[in-house]
C-alpha atoms as a PDB file:
ATOM      1  CA  MET A   1     176.626 164.627 113.561  1.00  0.00           C
ATOM      2  CA  SER A   2     177.329 163.495 110.015  1.00  0.00           C
ATOM      3  CA  ILE A   3     179.694 160.730 109.034  1.00  0.00           C
ATOM      4  CA  SER A   4     182.237 160.563 106.244  1.00  0.00           C
ATOM      5  CA  LYS A   5     181.897 158.445 103.125  1.00  0.00           C
ATOM      6  CA  ILE A   6     184.569 156.074 104.449  1.00  0.00           C
ATOM      7  CA  GLU A   7     182.728 155.648 107.755  1.00  0.00           C
ATOM      8  CA  ALA A   8     179.423 155.135 105.944  1.00  0.00           C
ATOM      9  CA  LYS A   9     180.967 152.443 103.752  1.00  0.00           C
ATOM     10  CA  GLN A  10     182.417 150.659 106.775  1.00  0.00           C
ATOM     11  CA  LEU A  11     179.100 150.754 108.625  1.00  0.00           C
ATOM     12  CA  LEU A  12     177.171 149.498 105.613  1.00  0.00           C
ATOM     13  CA  GLU A  13     179.701 146.705 105.110  1.00  0.00           C
ATOM     14  CA  ARG A  14     179.238 145.628 108.737  1.00  0.00           C
ATOM     15  CA  LEU A  15     175.475 145.734 108.377  1.00  0.00           C
ATOM     16  CA  ILE A  16     175.439 143.743 105.122  1.00  0.00           C
ATOM     17  CA  PHE A  17     178.389 141.381 105.470  1.00  0.00           C
ATOM     18  CA  GLU A  18     178.482 141.173 109.283  1.00  0.00           C
ATOM     19  CA  SER A  19     181.968 140.097 110.382  1.00  0.00           C
ATOM     20  CA  ASP A  20     183.304 139.278 106.898  1.00  0.00           C
ATOM     21  CA  ARG A  21     184.998 141.682 104.562  1.00  0.00           C
ATOM     22  CA  PRO A  22     183.067 141.902 101.271  1.00  0.00           C
ATOM     23  CA  HIS A  23     185.766 140.163  99.254  1.00  0.00           C
ATOM     24  CA  ASP A  24     186.042 137.369 101.851  1.00  0.00           C
ATOM     25  CA  TRP A  25     182.284 136.918 101.549  1.00  0.00           C
ATOM     26  CA  VAL A  26     182.641 136.639  97.764  1.00  0.00           C
ATOM     27  CA  GLN A  27     185.287 133.939  98.193  1.00  0.00           C
ATOM     28  CA  ASP A  28     183.035 132.025 100.598  1.00  0.00           C
ATOM     29  CA  VAL A  29     180.133 132.170  98.146  1.00  0.00           C
ATOM     30  CA  TRP A  30     182.447 131.237  95.274  1.00  0.00           C
ATOM     31  CA  GLY A  31     183.479 128.154  97.238  1.00  0.00           C
ATOM     32  CA  LEU A  32     179.849 127.057  97.403  1.00  0.00           C
ATOM     33  CA  SER A  33     179.088 127.766  93.762  1.00  0.00           C
ATOM     34  CA  PRO A  34     181.205 129.464  91.080  1.00  0.00           C
ATOM     35  CA  THR A  35     178.064 130.829  89.416  1.00  0.00           C
ATOM     36  CA  LEU A  36     176.801 132.366  92.656  1.00  0.00           C
ATOM     37  CA  GLY A  37     180.325 133.560  93.427  1.00  0.00           C
ATOM     38  CA  GLU A  38     180.445 135.446  90.154  1.00  0.00           C
ATOM     39  CA  ASN A  39     177.126 137.104  90.993  1.00  0.00           C
ATOM     40  CA  ALA A  40     178.373 137.917  94.503  1.00  0.00           C
ATOM     41  CA  ALA A  41     181.465 139.577  93.009  1.00  0.00           C
ATOM     42  CA  LYS A  42     179.248 141.690  90.753  1.00  0.00           C
ATOM     43  CA  LEU A  43     177.122 142.723  93.739  1.00  0.00           C
ATOM     44  CA  VAL A  44     180.204 143.851  95.673  1.00  0.00           C
ATOM     45  CA  ASP A  45     181.429 145.809  92.641  1.00  0.00           C
ATOM     46  CA  VAL A  46     178.049 147.556  92.341  1.00  0.00           C
ATOM     47  CA  PHE A  47     178.052 148.245  96.089  1.00  0.00           C
ATOM     48  CA  ASP A  48     181.471 149.929  95.759  1.00  0.00           C
ATOM     49  CA  MET A  49     180.311 151.977  92.751  1.00  0.00           C
ATOM     50  CA  LEU A  50     177.159 153.115  94.541  1.00  0.00           C
ATOM     51  CA  ILE A  51     179.174 154.252  97.539  1.00  0.00           C
ATOM     52  CA  GLU A  52     181.448 156.252  95.254  1.00  0.00           C
ATOM     53  CA  CYS A  53     178.662 157.980  93.330  1.00  0.00           C
ATOM     54  CA  CYS A  54     176.475 158.848  96.352  1.00  0.00           C
ATOM     55  CA  SER A  55     176.945 162.158  98.078  1.00  0.00           C
ATOM     56  CA  ASP A  56     178.153 162.198 101.670  1.00  0.00           C
ATOM     57  CA  GLU A  57     174.783 163.573 102.763  1.00  0.00           C
ATOM     58  CA  LYS A  58     172.800 160.778 101.088  1.00  0.00           C
ATOM     59  CA  LEU A  59     175.074 158.110 102.549  1.00  0.00           C
ATOM     60  CA  ASP A  60     174.787 159.679 105.985  1.00  0.00           C
ATOM     61  CA  ASN A  61     170.977 159.673 105.740  1.00  0.00           C
ATOM     62  CA  LEU A  62     170.927 156.086 104.463  1.00  0.00           C
ATOM     63  CA  VAL A  63     173.154 154.791 107.252  1.00  0.00           C
ATOM     64  CA  LYS A  64     171.170 156.591 109.943  1.00  0.00           C
ATOM     65  CA  SER A  65     167.901 155.310 108.494  1.00  0.00           C
ATOM     66  CA  LEU A  66     169.112 151.702 108.217  1.00  0.00           C
ATOM     67  CA  TYR A  67     170.597 151.650 111.701  1.00  0.00           C
ATOM     68  CA  GLN A  68     167.413 153.135 113.152  1.00  0.00           C
ATOM     69  CA  GLU A  69     165.346 150.412 111.452  1.00  0.00           C
ATOM     70  CA  HIS A  70     167.803 147.770 112.638  1.00  0.00           C
ATOM     71  CA  MET A  71     167.544 149.013 116.220  1.00  0.00           C
ATOM     72  CA  ASP A  72     163.734 149.016 116.052  1.00  0.00           C
ATOM     73  CA  LEU A  73     163.653 145.292 115.194  1.00  0.00           C
END
């Protein structure tokens, strides 16, 4: 069963940012260091752009692969 781009993005966000939303994570990092916060914001922007430019099939394969690796740990 394949998943939609929206579902893939949500799953990847949970895997990467755990319980935080990406922009909340950026704010937390920014609070520790404005320089690191700026870099964190750039990373989240790139993450969003990558999700948008990837095909549904590639995202589906990536999510399944990452979750399989995560379960094997």
